[in-house]
Amino acid sequence: LDLRPGMRVLDLGCGKGATSVFLAREYGAEVVAAEWWVETDEVTAVFAEAGVAGQVTAVRAEAHALPFGKDSFDAIVSIDAFEYFGTADSYLPYLVRFLRPGGQLGMATPAMAREVREIGAIPEHIKKLWGWEAIAWHTAEWWRFQWEITEMVTVTSARLQQHGWRVIHRG
């Protein structure tokens, strides 16, 4: 992504806020950290401790009912969360309404080299660590098609992280 100081960025599914802190510190972005599963007070404390409380605002929000207006953000990022809410065919068209014209969307999520449905099962080493959740992990090609078919975004990259599979084996 081409992020610059002062951009308004939504960190969707921010968890405990690590990516939000990174975006504020490294890019000088004004970040809205949206999370459903972690309490806002807990995330806000992380931002205060990291010294970015003036740049990052925590918001409790479910990804299918975002409390933002049309064209609210210059960029939307989602790191290790999109697989929980973004696999439905209708989600990308819902999400892009929050991007300003020319806005950017970046997502990193666990992925598979082959679709689980093609394999016929969740591989044991993955199921052991993540269980049924891996059914929402898809290939880079699946994500590329899922987004390109809408003609709402231009996909500039959809790829597996080189040697990313090693992370699974480290636990």
N, C-alpha and C. Protein backbone atom coordinates (compact mmCIF):
# COMPACT_ATOMS: atom_id res chain seq x y z
N LEU A 1 0.84 -1.19 0.00
CA LEU A 1 0.00 0.00 0.00
C LEU A 1 0.87 1.24 0.00
N ASP A 2 0.35 2.28 -0.57
CA ASP A 2 1.04 3.56 -0.59
C ASP A 2 0.42 4.44 0.50
N LEU A 3 0.92 4.28 1.72
CA LEU A 3 0.38 5.02 2.86
C LEU A 3 1.28 6.21 3.16
N ARG A 4 0.63 7.33 3.49
CA ARG A 4 1.36 8.57 3.77
C ARG A 4 0.84 9.21 5.05
N PRO A 5 1.64 10.09 5.66
CA PRO A 5 1.21 10.79 6.87
C PRO A 5 -0.13 11.50 6.68
N GLY A 6 -0.97 11.39 7.69
CA GLY A 6 -2.26 12.06 7.68
C GLY A 6 -3.38 11.29 7.03
N MET A 7 -3.08 10.18 6.37
CA MET A 7 -4.14 9.37 5.77
C MET A 7 -5.02 8.79 6.87
N ARG A 8 -6.29 8.67 6.58
CA ARG A 8 -7.23 8.04 7.52
C ARG A 8 -7.34 6.58 7.13
N VAL A 9 -6.94 5.70 8.06
CA VAL A 9 -6.86 4.26 7.77
C VAL A 9 -7.73 3.50 8.76
N LEU A 10 -8.53 2.57 8.25
CA LEU A 10 -9.30 1.65 9.09
C LEU A 10 -8.51 0.36 9.23
N ASP A 11 -8.22 -0.01 10.47
CA ASP A 11 -7.60 -1.30 10.78
C ASP A 11 -8.75 -2.21 11.21
N LEU A 12 -9.23 -3.02 10.30
CA LEU A 12 -10.44 -3.81 10.50
C LEU A 12 -10.10 -5.17 11.10
N GLY A 13 -10.64 -5.42 12.29
CA GLY A 13 -10.30 -6.64 13.02
C GLY A 13 -8.94 -6.47 13.65
N CYS A 14 -8.76 -5.36 14.35
CA CYS A 14 -7.44 -4.95 14.86
C CYS A 14 -6.91 -5.81 16.00
N GLY A 15 -7.75 -6.66 16.58
CA GLY A 15 -7.28 -7.47 17.71
C GLY A 15 -6.85 -6.57 18.85
N LYS A 16 -5.64 -6.76 19.33
CA LYS A 16 -5.13 -5.95 20.44
C LYS A 16 -4.36 -4.72 19.96
N GLY A 17 -4.39 -4.45 18.65
CA GLY A 17 -3.91 -3.18 18.14
C GLY A 17 -2.50 -3.10 17.60
N ALA A 18 -1.79 -4.20 17.44
CA ALA A 18 -0.40 -4.14 16.97
C ALA A 18 -0.28 -3.47 15.61
N THR A 19 -1.15 -3.82 14.68
CA THR A 19 -1.09 -3.21 13.35
C THR A 19 -1.43 -1.73 13.41
N SER A 20 -2.38 -1.36 14.25
CA SER A 20 -2.75 0.04 14.40
C SER A 20 -1.58 0.87 14.90
N VAL A 21 -0.85 0.34 15.87
CA VAL A 21 0.34 1.03 16.39
C VAL A 21 1.37 1.18 15.27
N PHE A 22 1.59 0.12 14.53
CA PHE A 22 2.53 0.14 13.41
C PHE A 22 2.15 1.21 12.39
N LEU A 23 0.89 1.24 11.99
CA LEU A 23 0.43 2.21 10.99
C LEU A 23 0.61 3.65 11.47
N ALA A 24 0.33 3.89 12.73
CA ALA A 24 0.48 5.23 13.29
C ALA A 24 1.95 5.63 13.37
N ARG A 25 2.78 4.74 13.88
CA ARG A 25 4.21 5.05 14.05
C ARG A 25 4.96 5.14 12.73
N GLU A 26 4.79 4.13 11.90
CA GLU A 26 5.60 4.03 10.68
C GLU A 26 5.12 4.91 9.54
N TYR A 27 3.83 5.17 9.47
CA TYR A 27 3.28 5.93 8.35
C TYR A 27 2.68 7.27 8.75
N GLY A 28 2.55 7.52 10.04
CA GLY A 28 1.93 8.76 10.47
C GLY A 28 0.45 8.82 10.14
N ALA A 29 -0.17 7.67 10.03
CA ALA A 29 -1.59 7.59 9.68
C ALA A 29 -2.47 7.92 10.88
N GLU A 30 -3.66 8.40 10.58
CA GLU A 30 -4.72 8.55 11.58
C GLU A 30 -5.53 7.26 11.48
N VAL A 31 -5.48 6.45 12.52
CA VAL A 31 -6.02 5.09 12.45
C VAL A 31 -7.29 4.95 13.28
N VAL A 32 -8.28 4.28 12.69
CA VAL A 32 -9.45 3.85 13.42
C VAL A 32 -9.31 2.34 13.56
N ALA A 33 -9.20 1.87 14.79
CA ALA A 33 -8.97 0.46 15.08
C ALA A 33 -10.30 -0.18 15.46
N ALA A 34 -10.86 -0.95 14.54
CA ALA A 34 -12.17 -1.57 14.76
C ALA A 34 -12.01 -3.03 15.15
N GLU A 35 -12.67 -3.39 16.24
CA GLU A 35 -12.57 -4.76 16.76
C GLU A 35 -13.86 -5.14 17.45
N TRP A 36 -14.23 -6.40 17.35
CA TRP A 36 -15.45 -6.90 17.97
C TRP A 36 -15.14 -7.76 19.20
N TRP A 37 -14.04 -8.51 19.18
CA TRP A 37 -13.78 -9.51 20.20
C TRP A 37 -12.94 -9.02 21.37
N VAL A 38 -12.26 -7.91 21.22
CA VAL A 38 -11.42 -7.37 22.29
C VAL A 38 -12.05 -6.06 22.76
N GLU A 39 -12.16 -5.89 24.05
CA GLU A 39 -12.79 -4.70 24.61
C GLU A 39 -12.04 -3.43 24.23
N THR A 40 -12.77 -2.38 23.95
CA THR A 40 -12.20 -1.10 23.54
C THR A 40 -11.23 -0.55 24.58
N ASP A 41 -11.56 -0.68 25.87
CA ASP A 41 -10.66 -0.18 26.93
C ASP A 41 -9.30 -0.86 26.88
N GLU A 42 -9.29 -2.14 26.61
CA GLU A 42 -8.04 -2.90 26.55
C GLU A 42 -7.18 -2.41 25.38
N VAL A 43 -7.80 -2.19 24.24
CA VAL A 43 -7.08 -1.73 23.06
C VAL A 43 -6.61 -0.29 23.24
N THR A 44 -7.44 0.54 23.81
CA THR A 44 -7.08 1.94 24.06
C THR A 44 -5.86 2.02 24.97
N ALA A 45 -5.77 1.14 25.97
CA ALA A 45 -4.61 1.12 26.86
C ALA A 45 -3.33 0.79 26.09
N VAL A 46 -3.42 -0.10 25.12
CA VAL A 46 -2.27 -0.45 24.29
C VAL A 46 -1.78 0.79 23.54
N PHE A 47 -2.73 1.55 22.99
CA PHE A 47 -2.36 2.74 22.22
C PHE A 47 -1.72 3.80 23.11
N ALA A 48 -2.24 3.96 24.31
CA ALA A 48 -1.67 4.92 25.25
C ALA A 48 -0.25 4.52 25.62
N GLU A 49 -0.05 3.25 25.93
CA GLU A 49 1.28 2.75 26.30
C GLU A 49 2.27 2.89 25.15
N ALA A 50 1.79 2.74 23.92
CA ALA A 50 2.66 2.83 22.74
C ALA A 50 2.90 4.28 22.33
N GLY A 51 2.20 5.21 22.97
CA GLY A 51 2.40 6.62 22.66
C GLY A 51 1.71 7.09 21.40
N VAL A 52 0.67 6.37 20.96
CA VAL A 52 -0.03 6.76 19.73
C VAL A 52 -1.51 7.07 19.98
N ALA A 53 -1.87 7.30 21.24
CA ALA A 53 -3.29 7.53 21.58
C ALA A 53 -3.88 8.70 20.81
N GLY A 54 -3.09 9.69 20.47
CA GLY A 54 -3.58 10.84 19.71
C GLY A 54 -3.83 10.54 18.24
N GLN A 55 -3.28 9.43 17.76
CA GLN A 55 -3.42 9.06 16.35
C GLN A 55 -4.37 7.89 16.11
N VAL A 56 -4.67 7.13 17.15
CA VAL A 56 -5.45 5.91 16.97
C VAL A 56 -6.68 5.94 17.87
N THR A 57 -7.82 5.65 17.27
CA THR A 57 -9.08 5.59 18.01
C THR A 57 -9.63 4.18 17.94
N ALA A 58 -9.92 3.60 19.09
CA ALA A 58 -10.50 2.25 19.15
C ALA A 58 -12.01 2.35 19.06
N VAL A 59 -12.59 1.47 18.25
CA VAL A 59 -14.03 1.43 18.06
C VAL A 59 -14.49 -0.01 18.16
N ARG A 60 -15.50 -0.26 18.96
CA ARG A 60 -16.08 -1.61 19.02
C ARG A 60 -17.07 -1.72 17.88
N ALA A 61 -16.78 -2.60 16.94
CA ALA A 61 -17.62 -2.72 15.75
C ALA A 61 -17.56 -4.12 15.18
N GLU A 62 -18.69 -4.63 14.81
CA GLU A 62 -18.79 -5.91 14.11
C GLU A 62 -18.61 -5.60 12.62
N ALA A 63 -17.86 -6.41 11.92
CA ALA A 63 -17.45 -6.12 10.55
C ALA A 63 -18.59 -6.00 9.55
N HIS A 64 -19.75 -6.54 9.87
CA HIS A 64 -20.91 -6.46 8.96
C HIS A 64 -21.84 -5.31 9.31
N ALA A 65 -21.51 -4.56 10.35
CA ALA A 65 -22.33 -3.41 10.78
C ALA A 65 -21.40 -2.27 11.19
N LEU A 66 -20.57 -1.85 10.27
CA LEU A 66 -19.58 -0.81 10.58
C LEU A 66 -20.25 0.55 10.74
N PRO A 67 -19.86 1.29 11.77
CA PRO A 67 -20.53 2.56 12.09
C PRO A 67 -19.90 3.78 11.40
N PHE A 68 -19.51 3.62 10.14
CA PHE A 68 -18.83 4.69 9.42
C PHE A 68 -19.65 5.12 8.21
N GLY A 69 -19.42 6.34 7.80
CA GLY A 69 -20.10 6.85 6.62
C GLY A 69 -19.37 6.48 5.34
N LYS A 70 -20.05 6.68 4.24
CA LYS A 70 -19.49 6.45 2.91
C LYS A 70 -18.22 7.30 2.75
N ASP A 71 -17.22 6.76 2.08
CA ASP A 71 -15.97 7.48 1.78
C ASP A 71 -15.24 7.96 3.02
N SER A 72 -15.24 7.18 4.08
CA SER A 72 -14.62 7.58 5.35
C SER A 72 -13.11 7.39 5.41
N PHE A 73 -12.55 6.51 4.57
CA PHE A 73 -11.15 6.13 4.74
C PHE A 73 -10.36 6.20 3.43
N ASP A 74 -9.08 6.56 3.58
CA ASP A 74 -8.15 6.53 2.45
C ASP A 74 -7.67 5.10 2.20
N ALA A 75 -7.65 4.31 3.26
CA ALA A 75 -7.20 2.93 3.15
C ALA A 75 -7.89 2.09 4.22
N ILE A 76 -8.07 0.82 3.90
CA ILE A 76 -8.58 -0.16 4.86
C ILE A 76 -7.60 -1.32 4.86
N VAL A 77 -7.14 -1.70 6.04
CA VAL A 77 -6.27 -2.87 6.16
C VAL A 77 -6.91 -3.86 7.13
N SER A 78 -6.60 -5.12 6.89
CA SER A 78 -7.08 -6.17 7.77
C SER A 78 -6.01 -7.26 7.80
N ILE A 79 -5.42 -7.46 8.97
CA ILE A 79 -4.33 -8.41 9.12
C ILE A 79 -4.78 -9.55 10.04
N ASP A 80 -4.77 -10.76 9.51
CA ASP A 80 -5.15 -11.96 10.26
C ASP A 80 -6.55 -11.90 10.85
N ALA A 81 -7.48 -11.30 10.12
CA ALA A 81 -8.86 -11.22 10.61
C ALA A 81 -9.88 -11.42 9.49
N PHE A 82 -9.53 -11.08 8.27
CA PHE A 82 -10.49 -11.05 7.17
C PHE A 82 -11.19 -12.39 6.94
N GLU A 83 -10.48 -13.46 7.23
CA GLU A 83 -11.07 -14.78 7.03
C GLU A 83 -12.28 -15.03 7.92
N TYR A 84 -12.41 -14.29 9.01
CA TYR A 84 -13.55 -14.46 9.92
C TYR A 84 -14.81 -13.78 9.43
N PHE A 85 -14.68 -12.76 8.60
CA PHE A 85 -15.88 -12.01 8.19
C PHE A 85 -15.96 -11.68 6.71
N GLY A 86 -14.88 -11.86 5.95
CA GLY A 86 -14.86 -11.34 4.60
C GLY A 86 -14.98 -12.31 3.45
N THR A 87 -15.36 -13.56 3.71
CA THR A 87 -15.40 -14.56 2.63
C THR A 87 -16.72 -14.59 1.87
N ALA A 88 -17.75 -13.97 2.38
CA ALA A 88 -19.04 -13.97 1.68
C ALA A 88 -18.94 -13.14 0.40
N ASP A 89 -19.62 -13.58 -0.64
CA ASP A 89 -19.58 -12.87 -1.92
C ASP A 89 -19.99 -11.41 -1.80
N SER A 90 -20.83 -11.10 -0.87
CA SER A 90 -21.35 -9.74 -0.74
C SER A 90 -20.50 -8.83 0.14
N TYR A 91 -19.43 -9.36 0.75
CA TYR A 91 -18.70 -8.53 1.71
C TYR A 91 -17.86 -7.43 1.07
N LEU A 92 -17.11 -7.74 0.03
CA LEU A 92 -16.28 -6.71 -0.59
C LEU A 92 -17.14 -5.54 -1.09
N PRO A 93 -18.24 -5.78 -1.80
CA PRO A 93 -19.08 -4.64 -2.20
C PRO A 93 -19.57 -3.81 -1.00
N TYR A 94 -19.83 -4.45 0.12
CA TYR A 94 -20.22 -3.73 1.33
C TYR A 94 -19.05 -2.88 1.82
N LEU A 95 -17.85 -3.47 1.88
CA LEU A 95 -16.70 -2.81 2.47
C LEU A 95 -16.19 -1.62 1.66
N VAL A 96 -16.16 -1.72 0.35
CA VAL A 96 -15.56 -0.66 -0.46
C VAL A 96 -16.34 0.65 -0.38
N ARG A 97 -17.57 0.63 0.07
CA ARG A 97 -18.31 1.89 0.21
C ARG A 97 -17.67 2.81 1.24
N PHE A 98 -16.87 2.25 2.15
CA PHE A 98 -16.21 3.05 3.17
C PHE A 98 -14.90 3.67 2.68
N LEU A 99 -14.45 3.27 1.49
CA LEU A 99 -13.23 3.81 0.90
C LEU A 99 -13.52 5.05 0.07
N ARG A 100 -12.67 6.06 0.20
CA ARG A 100 -12.76 7.24 -0.65
C ARG A 100 -12.37 6.84 -2.07
N PRO A 101 -12.80 7.60 -3.07
CA PRO A 101 -12.35 7.30 -4.45
C PRO A 101 -10.82 7.24 -4.51
N GLY A 102 -10.31 6.21 -5.15
CA GLY A 102 -8.87 6.00 -5.22
C GLY A 102 -8.28 5.37 -3.98
N GLY A 103 -9.15 4.99 -3.02
CA GLY A 103 -8.69 4.39 -1.77
C GLY A 103 -8.04 3.03 -2.00
N GLN A 104 -7.34 2.58 -0.97
CA GLN A 104 -6.59 1.34 -1.04
C GLN A 104 -7.11 0.34 -0.02
N LEU A 105 -7.04 -0.93 -0.38
CA LEU A 105 -7.49 -2.01 0.48
C LEU A 105 -6.38 -3.05 0.54
N GLY A 106 -5.95 -3.38 1.74
CA GLY A 106 -4.91 -4.39 1.90
C GLY A 106 -5.32 -5.41 2.94
N MET A 107 -5.06 -6.67 2.65
CA MET A 107 -5.47 -7.73 3.55
C MET A 107 -4.42 -8.82 3.56
N ALA A 108 -4.11 -9.32 4.74
CA ALA A 108 -3.24 -10.49 4.89
C ALA A 108 -3.98 -11.46 5.78
N THR A 109 -4.04 -12.69 5.36
CA THR A 109 -4.82 -13.69 6.08
C THR A 109 -4.17 -15.06 5.91
N PRO A 110 -4.39 -15.98 6.83
CA PRO A 110 -3.88 -17.33 6.61
C PRO A 110 -4.44 -17.85 5.28
N ALA A 111 -3.63 -18.61 4.58
CA ALA A 111 -4.04 -19.10 3.27
C ALA A 111 -3.59 -20.54 3.07
N MET A 112 -4.11 -21.11 2.03
CA MET A 112 -3.79 -22.48 1.68
C MET A 112 -3.16 -22.48 0.28
N ALA A 113 -2.37 -23.49 -0.01
CA ALA A 113 -1.82 -23.67 -1.36
C ALA A 113 -2.88 -24.29 -2.27
N ARG A 114 -3.80 -25.07 -1.66
CA ARG A 114 -4.95 -25.65 -2.38
C ARG A 114 -6.18 -25.45 -1.51
N GLU A 115 -7.32 -25.34 -2.15
CA GLU A 115 -8.57 -25.15 -1.42
C GLU A 115 -8.90 -26.38 -0.57
N VAL A 116 -9.39 -26.16 0.63
CA VAL A 116 -9.78 -27.24 1.53
C VAL A 116 -10.80 -28.15 0.85
N ARG A 117 -11.74 -27.56 0.13
CA ARG A 117 -12.76 -28.37 -0.56
C ARG A 117 -12.15 -29.26 -1.63
N GLU A 118 -11.08 -28.79 -2.26
CA GLU A 118 -10.37 -29.58 -3.26
C GLU A 118 -9.61 -30.73 -2.59
N ILE A 119 -8.99 -30.44 -1.45
CA ILE A 119 -8.24 -31.46 -0.70
C ILE A 119 -9.20 -32.49 -0.10
N GLY A 120 -10.37 -32.02 0.33
CA GLY A 120 -11.36 -32.90 0.92
C GLY A 120 -11.33 -32.93 2.43
N ALA A 121 -10.40 -32.22 3.04
CA ALA A 121 -10.29 -32.17 4.50
C ALA A 121 -9.32 -31.05 4.87
N ILE A 122 -9.44 -30.61 6.08
CA ILE A 122 -8.44 -29.68 6.61
C ILE A 122 -7.22 -30.51 6.97
N PRO A 123 -6.04 -30.17 6.44
CA PRO A 123 -4.85 -30.96 6.76
C PRO A 123 -4.66 -31.09 8.28
N GLU A 124 -4.27 -32.26 8.72
CA GLU A 124 -4.17 -32.56 10.16
C GLU A 124 -3.31 -31.56 10.94
N HIS A 125 -2.16 -31.18 10.40
CA HIS A 125 -1.27 -30.27 11.12
C HIS A 125 -1.92 -28.89 11.30
N ILE A 126 -2.80 -28.53 10.41
CA ILE A 126 -3.53 -27.25 10.54
C ILE A 126 -4.72 -27.43 11.47
N LYS A 127 -5.45 -28.52 11.29
CA LYS A 127 -6.62 -28.79 12.14
C LYS A 127 -6.23 -28.90 13.60
N LYS A 128 -5.08 -29.46 13.86
CA LYS A 128 -4.59 -29.62 15.24
C LYS A 128 -4.46 -28.26 15.93
N LEU A 129 -4.02 -27.24 15.20
CA LEU A 129 -3.80 -25.92 15.78
C LEU A 129 -5.01 -24.99 15.69
N TRP A 130 -5.75 -25.06 14.57
CA TRP A 130 -6.84 -24.10 14.35
C TRP A 130 -8.22 -24.73 14.19
N GLY A 131 -8.31 -26.00 14.11
CA GLY A 131 -9.61 -26.66 14.02
C GLY A 131 -10.41 -26.24 12.78
N TRP A 132 -11.71 -26.11 12.96
CA TRP A 132 -12.63 -25.82 11.86
C TRP A 132 -12.38 -24.46 11.21
N GLU A 133 -11.73 -23.52 11.91
CA GLU A 133 -11.53 -22.17 11.38
C GLU A 133 -10.84 -22.18 10.02
N ALA A 134 -10.02 -23.18 9.77
CA ALA A 134 -9.26 -23.24 8.52
C ALA A 134 -10.15 -23.44 7.30
N ILE A 135 -11.42 -23.76 7.48
CA ILE A 135 -12.32 -23.88 6.33
C ILE A 135 -12.46 -22.53 5.62
N ALA A 136 -12.19 -21.44 6.31
CA ALA A 136 -12.28 -20.09 5.72
C ALA A 136 -10.94 -19.63 5.12
N TRP A 137 -9.93 -20.47 5.18
CA TRP A 137 -8.64 -20.12 4.57
C TRP A 137 -8.72 -20.51 3.10
N HIS A 138 -8.34 -19.61 2.26
CA HIS A 138 -8.42 -19.86 0.82
C HIS A 138 -7.07 -19.63 0.16
N THR A 139 -7.00 -19.98 -1.11
CA THR A 139 -5.77 -19.76 -1.88
C THR A 139 -5.71 -18.30 -2.34
N ALA A 140 -4.51 -17.87 -2.70
CA ALA A 140 -4.35 -16.53 -3.26
C ALA A 140 -5.19 -16.38 -4.53
N GLU A 141 -5.26 -17.44 -5.32
CA GLU A 141 -6.06 -17.39 -6.55
C GLU A 141 -7.54 -17.22 -6.24
N TRP A 142 -8.03 -17.88 -5.18
CA TRP A 142 -9.43 -17.72 -4.78
C TRP A 142 -9.69 -16.27 -4.44
N TRP A 143 -8.83 -15.65 -3.62
CA TRP A 143 -9.02 -14.26 -3.23
C TRP A 143 -8.96 -13.34 -4.43
N ARG A 144 -8.01 -13.57 -5.32
CA ARG A 144 -7.90 -12.73 -6.53
C ARG A 144 -9.21 -12.78 -7.31
N PHE A 145 -9.72 -13.97 -7.59
CA PHE A 145 -10.98 -14.10 -8.32
C PHE A 145 -12.12 -13.44 -7.56
N GLN A 146 -12.21 -13.71 -6.27
CA GLN A 146 -13.29 -13.19 -5.43
C GLN A 146 -13.37 -11.67 -5.52
N TRP A 147 -12.22 -11.01 -5.59
CA TRP A 147 -12.21 -9.55 -5.63
C TRP A 147 -12.28 -9.01 -7.05
N GLU A 148 -11.58 -9.63 -8.00
CA GLU A 148 -11.60 -9.13 -9.37
C GLU A 148 -12.97 -9.26 -10.03
N ILE A 149 -13.69 -10.31 -9.72
CA ILE A 149 -14.98 -10.55 -10.37
C ILE A 149 -15.97 -9.43 -10.09
N THR A 150 -15.78 -8.73 -8.98
CA THR A 150 -16.69 -7.63 -8.64
C THR A 150 -16.48 -6.41 -9.52
N GLU A 151 -15.28 -6.29 -10.10
CA GLU A 151 -14.88 -5.12 -10.88
C GLU A 151 -14.95 -3.83 -10.06
N MET A 152 -14.91 -3.97 -8.73
CA MET A 152 -14.95 -2.82 -7.82
C MET A 152 -13.56 -2.42 -7.36
N VAL A 153 -12.59 -3.31 -7.52
CA VAL A 153 -11.22 -3.04 -7.11
C VAL A 153 -10.27 -3.55 -8.19
N THR A 154 -9.08 -3.00 -8.19
CA THR A 154 -8.01 -3.50 -9.04
C THR A 154 -7.04 -4.25 -8.13
N VAL A 155 -6.90 -5.52 -8.36
CA VAL A 155 -6.02 -6.34 -7.53
C VAL A 155 -4.60 -6.20 -8.07
N THR A 156 -3.72 -5.70 -7.23
CA THR A 156 -2.32 -5.52 -7.63
C THR A 156 -1.44 -6.67 -7.15
N SER A 157 -1.89 -7.39 -6.13
CA SER A 157 -1.11 -8.51 -5.63
C SER A 157 -2.03 -9.46 -4.88
N ALA A 158 -1.89 -10.74 -5.18
CA ALA A 158 -2.57 -11.80 -4.43
C ALA A 158 -1.60 -12.98 -4.48
N ARG A 159 -0.93 -13.21 -3.37
CA ARG A 159 0.12 -14.23 -3.37
C ARG A 159 0.29 -14.82 -1.99
N LEU A 160 0.88 -15.99 -1.97
CA LEU A 160 1.28 -16.61 -0.71
C LEU A 160 2.59 -16.00 -0.26
N GLN A 161 2.78 -15.87 1.04
CA GLN A 161 4.05 -15.41 1.58
C GLN A 161 5.06 -16.53 1.40
N GLN A 162 6.20 -16.21 0.83
CA GLN A 162 7.22 -17.22 0.62
C GLN A 162 7.59 -17.86 1.96
N HIS A 163 7.53 -19.16 2.02
CA HIS A 163 7.85 -19.94 3.22
C HIS A 163 6.90 -19.66 4.38
N GLY A 164 5.76 -19.06 4.13
CA GLY A 164 4.79 -18.78 5.17
C GLY A 164 4.30 -20.03 5.90
N TRP A 165 4.29 -21.13 5.21
CA TRP A 165 3.85 -22.40 5.80
C TRP A 165 4.69 -22.78 7.01
N ARG A 166 5.93 -22.30 7.08
CA ARG A 166 6.78 -22.63 8.22
C ARG A 166 6.24 -22.11 9.53
N VAL A 167 5.50 -21.01 9.48
CA VAL A 167 4.92 -20.43 10.69
C VAL A 167 3.98 -21.43 11.36
N ILE A 168 3.23 -22.17 10.58
CA ILE A 168 2.30 -23.15 11.12
C ILE A 168 3.05 -24.22 11.92
N HIS A 169 4.18 -24.62 11.44
CA HIS A 169 4.93 -25.68 12.12
C HIS A 169 5.64 -25.21 13.38
N ARG A 170 5.82 -23.91 13.54
CA ARG A 170 6.46 -23.39 14.75
C ARG A 170 5.48 -23.30 15.90
N GLY A 171 4.17 -23.20 15.55
CA GLY A 171 3.15 -23.11 16.58
C GLY A 171 3.20 -21.81 17.22
